[in-house]
Structures are given as structure tokens and as C-alpha cells.
Amino acid sequence: MQTSDFDYALPPELIAQTPIEPRDSSRLLVLDRKDGSIRHRRFFEITEYLNDGDLMVFNDSRVIPARLQGKREGSGGMAEILLLRRAGENTWEGLVKPAKRLQTGAKIEIGEEITAEIIATGKEGLRTLRFSDETRLFSAGEMPLPPYIHEPLQNPERYQTVYSKVAGSAAAPTAGLHFTTELLEKIKAKGVHCLFTTLHVGLDTFRPVTEEDPAKHTIYREYGMLNEATAVELTAAKKEGRRVICVGTTSVRLVEQAALVSPPGEIRPFQDWVSLFILPGHQFKAVDALVTNFHLPKSTLLMLVTAFAGKDNIMQAYRAAIDQRYRFYSFGDAMLIL
């Protein structure tokens, strides 16, 4: 297995630049991983594939205004910070630009009231920063749209799910962007149990794997929380043979991490760092179906869906999506993998 096995060619015009309205009118490619069959639907038709007693697991993490613009102290040159996760009081881990000029000891002035000092240096632009005033960070920040989106976002709430609740993500759990409040009510009316977990989305959402052997890639840890009530429902569903349908790769990683550290046949509450890297060969313990977007080439997310559905199925589905001119990535269309 090589990272190049997860590459594909995408026409640039298929990268969605703006969200579609209404949210649930996006397209939905339905992939049956048992026989490889593909159907083309609209997202609001997802209810036709849901059954009474199914569990749907959502990630209710909310995107923070994590992109900060500033100037390098001394030179006055432009600098940018992308906050990834809180590392302590007034301290955050993040990405900086220009990374080569921002080493340990460097300071960045954000507006007139906040200063960030780099106190540790990591790989690939990662830095640990100490801020003079953490309380003002979010008011100084901007919505951190992915680098492949070049159009300005008119309504910042369109990069949040309608059920987002717990602030902490540097990127949206994008599979959830297709759901409307009305669609969620229709799903519940079918007898589907909607469960909410939290995983704060970090670096691997938009970072390609650069190692030739993907197993050598160190995945970026993300903090996750799965409460007791959700754990009880998940355990009961697995024992009773009811489906667990995860909305997004973040929900998959959290549920599978919780299952891995729980006794066999049980899923216990979980609140810790999630460092699970799901590659082909992973034995899924909890997830039976998956709602997901179309992912970047050579990304950990594409590797995860390949592990779930099989390489031939995923490559065939991606070819079909490209042929049918689906919209890709964060504001793009969706897949339902059964």
C-alpha cells in the first residue's frame, strides 16, 4: 500500500466554491459496498435509506474564527496564524505563515492589543504560541475556510452545521452541512435515533499525506467526547443488530476509537485525544454505514472511506461522481455508503 494508491485527477472546476441552497438540495451518491452499485439522488432523499431503529451519529463541534492576521514584530511583514487546538492557558497550537520566518522567539502583533510569541516549533509549519490576551482571540479572528475555496463566504453560518454546539474546530465537519432542521425532524419521524458527539476537527482535514508509506504518517490528534447516554445507545444497537450510521469521518474516528478502548461487545463513554488513523485493513467495530463528502487526493479521509468501502468501490464511485459533474470537497455533494 502506497500513498499514490489514493490519488486521482479532479478537474479544478468541480471544487465547490460556494454552498448550495437549500442545504439538503445537494446531490447524493449512494454506494452499496456489498455489490458496488451506485445510485444518484438528492440529499433530502436520504430518508429512503433509513430504517426505524437506526442510529445516526453526528459531530456537534462548532468552527471557531481560527484564522488570525497580523504583522511580524520588528519587520512589520504580514503573518497569519491558524489556531488548531488550545494547549494551555493563553497557549495554542497552530499553523503559521511564513513558517520559515516565524521560529521560536518570534512575535506577531494582532491588531493593537494582542501579541503572540512562538514558544515551540514543530514540523510542517506547526507552532506553539503564547498570547498576551486569549480572551480577545475569537473577536480578532476570521472563519478559516479551506485553502481551495477562493470565493468569500457571505454568511459565516453556512460553514457551520445547523446542530453545531461545542466550539473548538479549525474546520467544519462537512458531511453535516447537508442537513437542515426540517430534514432532521423527518429523519427522527422515521424512528431514527439521532446522537450527538463532539470531535474538534484539526489539521488532517486538509493536509495531504506526504509519506510514500501512509502507515508512516503521524495523524494530527483531535479531542473527542462521547457521553454515557450515547455510549449506552450505541452498545444496545450493536447487541440488537441495529445499524450505526456515522455522519462524517470525524464521527467514525471517534466512535471507532471509543470501541477500540472498550471491552468487546461494548462501547463505553470516551473523553480523550483521538489519534486513530484508519487505513485499509482496519476492522470496523461499530460503524455500519457512512455519510461523507468527496475528499482530497492522498488525504487521511480518503484512506478512511477506502478502508470502509474498499478501493475498487471508492475509485468507481469517484469516477462516476466526476463523470456526473458532482461538486467536490467542503461545499460539495455527498455520498451515502451502505
Protein backbone atom coordinates (compact mmCIF):
# COMPACT_ATOMS: atom_id res chain seq x y z
CA MET A 1 0.00 0.00 0.00
CA GLN A 2 1.37 3.38 -1.07
CA THR A 3 0.07 6.91 -0.74
CA SER A 4 -0.09 7.14 -4.53
CA ASP A 5 -2.77 4.43 -4.44
CA PHE A 6 -5.11 7.12 -3.07
CA ASP A 7 -4.53 9.67 -5.81
CA TYR A 8 -6.98 10.73 -8.51
CA ALA A 9 -7.32 13.56 -11.02
CA LEU A 10 -10.05 16.10 -10.32
CA PRO A 11 -10.97 18.87 -12.79
CA PRO A 12 -10.48 22.12 -10.81
CA GLU A 13 -13.91 23.43 -11.82
CA LEU A 14 -15.54 20.64 -9.76
CA ILE A 15 -14.18 22.07 -6.49
CA ALA A 16 -17.26 23.74 -4.98
CA GLN A 17 -16.58 27.38 -4.13
CA THR A 18 -19.93 28.28 -2.59
CA PRO A 19 -22.54 26.34 -0.61
CA ILE A 20 -25.70 25.22 -2.37
CA GLU A 21 -29.14 26.38 -1.20
CA PRO A 22 -31.06 24.91 0.42
CA ARG A 23 -28.54 22.71 2.21
CA ASP A 24 -30.35 19.43 1.56
CA SER A 25 -30.70 20.01 -2.20
CA SER A 26 -27.12 18.87 -2.82
CA ARG A 27 -26.60 15.66 -4.76
CA LEU A 28 -26.19 12.31 -3.04
CA LEU A 29 -24.29 9.38 -4.50
CA VAL A 30 -25.49 6.18 -2.82
CA LEU A 31 -22.87 3.42 -2.85
CA ASP A 32 -23.69 -0.14 -1.84
CA ARG A 33 -20.34 -1.59 -0.74
CA LYS A 34 -21.64 -5.17 -0.97
CA ASP A 35 -22.23 -5.16 -4.72
CA GLY A 36 -20.63 -1.85 -5.79
CA SER A 37 -23.90 -0.50 -7.18
CA ILE A 38 -24.32 3.28 -7.43
CA ARG A 39 -27.44 5.44 -7.40
CA HIS A 40 -27.68 9.18 -7.97
CA ARG A 41 -30.14 11.00 -5.70
CA ARG A 42 -30.69 14.31 -3.89
CA PHE A 43 -29.62 14.63 -0.29
CA PHE A 44 -33.15 15.12 1.08
CA GLU A 45 -33.94 11.64 -0.29
CA ILE A 46 -31.57 10.08 2.26
CA THR A 47 -34.63 9.25 4.36
CA GLU A 48 -35.49 6.49 1.87
CA TYR A 49 -32.38 4.61 3.01
CA LEU A 50 -33.02 4.91 6.75
CA ASN A 51 -34.90 2.44 8.93
CA ASP A 52 -36.78 2.52 12.21
CA GLY A 53 -34.23 1.81 14.98
CA ASP A 54 -31.17 3.07 13.08
CA LEU A 55 -28.74 5.28 14.97
CA MET A 56 -27.23 8.33 13.29
CA VAL A 57 -24.14 9.77 14.97
CA PHE A 58 -23.39 13.46 14.37
CA ASN A 59 -20.43 15.64 15.33
CA ASP A 60 -21.72 18.82 17.01
CA SER A 61 -18.37 20.61 17.09
CA ARG A 62 -18.53 24.27 16.06
CA VAL A 63 -15.91 26.04 13.96
CA ILE A 64 -14.09 28.84 15.76
CA PRO A 65 -12.86 32.03 13.99
CA ALA A 66 -9.42 30.47 13.95
CA ARG A 67 -7.62 32.47 11.25
CA LEU A 68 -5.71 35.47 12.62
CA GLN A 69 -4.00 38.12 10.52
CA GLY A 70 -1.07 40.06 11.97
CA LYS A 71 2.35 41.58 11.47
CA ARG A 72 5.78 40.29 12.42
CA GLU A 73 7.23 42.36 15.23
CA GLY A 74 10.24 44.31 14.04
CA SER A 75 9.95 43.86 10.27
CA GLY A 76 6.24 44.63 10.00
CA GLY A 77 5.87 41.82 7.46
CA MET A 78 2.50 40.11 7.12
CA ALA A 79 1.86 36.97 9.18
CA GLU A 80 -1.02 34.55 9.50
CA ILE A 81 -1.97 32.11 12.27
CA LEU A 82 -4.43 29.23 12.01
CA LEU A 83 -5.42 28.10 15.51
CA LEU A 84 -5.70 24.32 15.75
CA ARG A 85 -6.13 23.46 19.42
CA ARG A 86 -5.76 25.00 22.84
CA ALA A 87 -2.60 23.82 24.61
CA GLY A 88 -2.99 25.60 27.96
CA GLU A 89 -3.75 28.98 29.47
CA ASN A 90 -3.18 31.65 26.79
CA THR A 91 -1.43 28.96 24.72
CA TRP A 92 -2.46 27.43 21.40
CA GLU A 93 -1.01 25.12 18.81
CA GLY A 94 -1.40 26.34 15.25
CA LEU A 95 -0.02 26.78 11.77
CA VAL A 96 1.84 29.96 10.84
CA LYS A 97 2.81 31.69 7.59
CA PRO A 98 5.51 32.40 6.56
CA ALA A 99 6.75 29.43 8.59
CA LYS A 100 10.44 29.86 7.73
CA ARG A 101 10.49 33.38 9.18
CA LEU A 102 8.48 32.55 12.28
CA GLN A 103 10.67 30.48 14.57
CA THR A 104 10.90 30.20 18.35
CA GLY A 105 11.05 33.64 19.97
CA ALA A 106 9.38 35.46 17.08
CA LYS A 107 6.41 37.68 17.91
CA ILE A 108 3.31 38.50 15.90
CA GLU A 109 1.21 41.59 16.56
CA ILE A 110 -2.52 41.05 16.02
CA GLY A 111 -4.22 44.41 15.86
CA GLU A 112 -3.12 46.84 18.55
CA GLU A 113 -3.94 44.76 21.62
CA ILE A 114 -2.78 41.15 21.13
CA THR A 115 0.74 39.75 20.77
CA ALA A 116 1.56 36.12 20.01
CA GLU A 117 5.01 34.74 20.85
CA ILE A 118 6.20 31.47 19.33
CA ILE A 119 7.46 29.31 22.19
CA ALA A 120 7.98 25.99 20.37
CA THR A 121 8.49 24.83 16.79
CA GLY A 122 7.10 21.68 15.19
CA LYS A 123 7.09 20.13 11.73
CA GLU A 124 5.29 21.45 8.64
CA GLY A 125 4.61 24.91 9.98
CA LEU A 126 3.22 23.78 13.35
CA ARG A 127 3.97 26.18 16.18
CA THR A 128 3.05 26.59 19.83
CA LEU A 129 2.08 30.18 20.55
CA ARG A 130 1.55 32.10 23.78
CA PHE A 131 -0.91 35.01 23.51
CA SER A 132 -0.87 38.17 25.58
CA ASP A 133 -4.68 38.15 25.78
CA GLU A 134 -6.57 34.98 24.92
CA THR A 135 -9.98 36.47 25.69
CA ARG A 136 -9.90 38.64 22.55
CA LEU A 137 -8.73 35.99 20.09
CA PHE A 138 -12.07 34.97 18.65
CA SER A 139 -13.22 38.56 18.15
CA ALA A 140 -10.00 39.19 16.21
CA GLY A 141 -10.27 36.04 14.10
CA GLU A 142 -11.89 35.09 10.81
CA MET A 143 -13.70 31.96 9.63
CA PRO A 144 -10.95 29.54 8.47
CA LEU A 145 -12.17 28.40 5.06
CA PRO A 146 -10.02 25.68 3.42
CA PRO A 147 -7.27 26.89 1.05
CA TYR A 148 -9.04 25.51 -2.04
CA ILE A 149 -12.04 27.84 -1.51
CA HIS A 150 -11.34 31.21 -3.09
CA GLU A 151 -14.78 32.81 -3.01
CA PRO A 152 -15.65 34.92 0.06
CA LEU A 153 -18.33 33.40 2.30
CA GLN A 154 -21.31 35.75 2.53
CA ASN A 155 -22.84 34.06 5.58
CA PRO A 156 -20.36 32.53 8.08
CA GLU A 157 -23.12 30.28 9.48
CA ARG A 158 -23.10 28.39 6.18
CA TYR A 159 -19.78 26.87 7.26
CA GLN A 160 -21.44 25.57 10.44
CA THR A 161 -23.81 22.63 10.77
CA VAL A 162 -27.32 23.54 11.94
CA TYR A 163 -26.68 21.49 15.10
CA SER A 164 -23.18 22.84 15.88
CA LYS A 165 -22.85 23.50 19.59
CA VAL A 166 -19.39 22.97 21.12
CA ALA A 167 -16.79 25.50 19.87
CA GLY A 168 -13.36 24.12 19.03
CA SER A 169 -12.88 23.12 15.38
CA ALA A 170 -10.48 24.62 12.85
CA ALA A 171 -12.62 23.23 10.01
CA ALA A 172 -16.23 22.17 9.66
CA PRO A 173 -17.32 18.51 9.85
CA THR A 174 -18.57 18.99 6.32
CA ALA A 175 -20.76 15.90 5.91
CA GLY A 176 -23.13 17.56 8.35
CA LEU A 177 -23.52 20.72 6.25
CA HIS A 178 -26.21 19.00 4.14
CA PHE A 179 -28.69 18.61 6.99
CA THR A 180 -31.46 21.12 7.64
CA THR A 181 -33.54 21.32 10.80
CA GLU A 182 -36.55 20.12 8.80
CA LEU A 183 -34.65 17.13 7.39
CA LEU A 184 -33.52 16.13 10.88
CA GLU A 185 -37.16 16.16 12.01
CA LYS A 186 -38.13 13.90 9.10
CA ILE A 187 -35.30 11.52 9.98
CA LYS A 188 -36.45 11.34 13.60
CA ALA A 189 -40.04 10.77 12.45
CA LYS A 190 -38.83 7.58 10.73
CA GLY A 191 -37.75 6.23 14.12
CA VAL A 192 -34.06 7.01 13.68
CA HIS A 193 -32.21 7.89 16.89
CA CYS A 194 -30.01 11.00 16.36
CA LEU A 195 -27.00 11.03 18.69
CA PHE A 196 -24.54 13.90 19.10
CA THR A 197 -20.86 13.51 19.87
CA THR A 198 -18.02 16.04 19.71
CA LEU A 199 -14.71 15.81 17.87
CA HIS A 200 -12.84 19.06 17.25
CA VAL A 201 -11.64 18.96 13.64
CA GLY A 202 -7.95 19.70 13.08
CA LEU A 203 -5.11 19.57 10.63
CA ASP A 204 -5.64 16.28 8.77
CA THR A 205 -8.89 17.54 7.26
CA PHE A 206 -6.90 19.49 4.67
CA ARG A 207 -3.33 18.15 4.98
CA PRO A 208 -2.25 15.59 2.34
CA VAL A 209 -0.15 12.61 3.34
CA THR A 210 3.43 13.19 2.16
CA GLU A 211 5.00 9.90 3.27
CA GLU A 212 5.24 7.31 0.49
CA ASP A 213 4.12 4.71 3.01
CA PRO A 214 0.89 6.06 4.55
CA ALA A 215 1.45 3.97 7.68
CA LYS A 216 4.38 6.28 8.48
CA HIS A 217 2.15 9.34 8.52
CA THR A 218 1.51 10.73 12.00
CA ILE A 219 -2.12 11.78 12.21
CA TYR A 220 -2.96 15.00 13.99
CA ARG A 221 -4.64 14.32 17.34
CA GLU A 222 -8.13 15.70 17.83
CA TYR A 223 -10.04 15.94 21.11
CA GLY A 224 -13.24 13.94 21.30
CA MET A 225 -16.14 13.41 23.68
CA LEU A 226 -18.76 10.65 23.63
CA ASN A 227 -21.09 10.79 26.62
CA GLU A 228 -22.61 7.97 28.66
CA ALA A 229 -26.11 8.16 27.17
CA THR A 230 -24.69 7.88 23.64
CA ALA A 231 -22.43 5.00 24.68
CA VAL A 232 -25.41 3.11 26.12
CA GLU A 233 -27.43 3.59 22.92
CA LEU A 234 -24.53 2.52 20.71
CA THR A 235 -23.92 -0.62 22.77
CA ALA A 236 -27.61 -1.55 22.67
CA ALA A 237 -27.80 -1.02 18.91
CA LYS A 238 -24.80 -3.27 18.24
CA LYS A 239 -26.19 -6.03 20.50
CA GLU A 240 -29.61 -5.82 18.81
CA GLY A 241 -28.24 -5.74 15.26
CA ARG A 242 -29.43 -2.21 14.51
CA ARG A 243 -27.35 -0.02 12.20
CA VAL A 244 -24.96 2.68 13.38
CA ILE A 245 -24.72 5.35 10.66
CA CYS A 246 -21.96 7.90 11.17
CA VAL A 247 -22.27 11.37 9.66
CA GLY A 248 -18.75 12.26 8.62
CA THR A 249 -15.30 10.76 9.01
CA THR A 250 -14.83 12.60 12.31
CA SER A 251 -17.76 10.71 13.85
CA VAL A 252 -16.31 7.45 12.50
CA ARG A 253 -12.92 8.06 14.10
CA LEU A 254 -14.45 8.96 17.46
CA VAL A 255 -16.85 6.01 17.60
CA GLU A 256 -14.20 3.55 16.42
CA GLN A 257 -11.66 4.93 18.92
CA ALA A 258 -14.18 4.52 21.74
CA ALA A 259 -14.95 0.97 20.59
CA LEU A 260 -11.25 0.06 20.44
CA VAL A 261 -10.62 1.03 24.06
CA SER A 262 -13.83 -0.57 25.36
CA PRO A 263 -14.39 -4.22 26.31
CA PRO A 264 -15.52 -6.50 23.45
CA GLY A 265 -19.17 -6.02 22.54
CA GLU A 266 -19.44 -2.74 24.42
CA ILE A 267 -18.88 0.96 23.77
CA ARG A 268 -18.08 2.99 26.84
CA PRO A 269 -18.07 6.78 27.33
CA PHE A 270 -14.96 8.43 25.94
CA GLN A 271 -13.30 11.79 26.57
CA ASP A 272 -9.72 11.98 25.37
CA TRP A 273 -7.46 12.62 22.39
CA VAL A 274 -8.34 10.69 19.22
CA SER A 275 -5.27 9.55 17.31
CA LEU A 276 -6.78 6.64 15.38
CA PHE A 277 -5.57 6.51 11.77
CA ILE A 278 -7.95 4.30 9.78
CA LEU A 279 -6.29 2.63 6.80
CA PRO A 280 -7.40 -0.32 4.63
CA GLY A 281 -7.23 -3.41 6.80
CA HIS A 282 -8.94 -1.74 9.76
CA GLN A 283 -11.64 -3.94 11.28
CA PHE A 284 -14.63 -1.69 11.94
CA LYS A 285 -16.18 -2.49 15.30
CA ALA A 286 -19.13 -0.11 15.40
CA VAL A 287 -19.89 1.67 12.11
CA ASP A 288 -22.32 0.11 9.63
CA ALA A 289 -22.93 2.99 7.21
CA LEU A 290 -21.41 6.37 6.50
CA VAL A 291 -22.48 9.78 5.19
CA THR A 292 -19.47 11.64 3.81
CA ASN A 293 -18.32 14.24 1.30
CA PHE A 294 -15.81 13.70 -1.51
CA HIS A 295 -12.27 14.04 -0.19
CA LEU A 296 -8.92 15.37 -1.36
CA PRO A 297 -6.46 13.01 -3.07
CA LYS A 298 -3.87 11.38 -0.80
CA SER A 299 -5.76 12.50 2.32
CA THR A 300 -6.33 10.51 5.50
CA LEU A 301 -10.07 10.98 4.91
CA LEU A 302 -9.94 9.29 1.51
CA MET A 303 -7.96 6.47 3.11
CA LEU A 304 -10.65 6.07 5.77
CA VAL A 305 -13.55 5.77 3.30
CA THR A 306 -11.44 3.35 1.23
CA ALA A 307 -10.94 1.23 4.34
CA PHE A 308 -14.70 1.24 4.88
CA ALA A 309 -15.94 0.57 1.35
CA GLY A 310 -12.98 -0.99 -0.48
CA LYS A 311 -10.62 0.58 -3.00
CA ASP A 312 -12.43 -0.61 -6.14
CA ASN A 313 -15.78 0.66 -4.86
CA ILE A 314 -14.43 4.07 -3.88
CA MET A 315 -12.47 4.63 -7.08
CA GLN A 316 -15.51 3.60 -9.14
CA ALA A 317 -17.72 5.98 -7.13
CA TYR A 318 -15.28 8.86 -7.55
CA ARG A 319 -15.06 8.24 -11.30
CA ALA A 320 -18.85 8.24 -11.51
CA ALA A 321 -19.05 11.46 -9.48
CA ILE A 322 -16.55 13.17 -11.78
CA ASP A 323 -18.35 11.91 -14.90
CA GLN A 324 -21.66 13.18 -13.50
CA ARG A 325 -20.10 16.55 -12.57
CA TYR A 326 -20.65 16.29 -8.83
CA ARG A 327 -19.32 19.14 -6.69
CA PHE A 328 -16.32 18.18 -4.52
CA TYR A 329 -14.87 18.95 -1.08
CA SER A 330 -16.24 21.09 1.77
CA PHE A 331 -19.16 22.79 0.00
CA GLY A 332 -19.64 19.90 -2.40
CA ASP A 333 -22.04 16.99 -2.73
CA ALA A 334 -22.30 13.89 -0.53
CA MET A 335 -22.04 10.11 -0.52
CA LEU A 336 -24.01 7.58 1.46
CA ILE A 337 -22.06 4.35 1.82
CA LEU A 338 -24.22 1.39 2.85
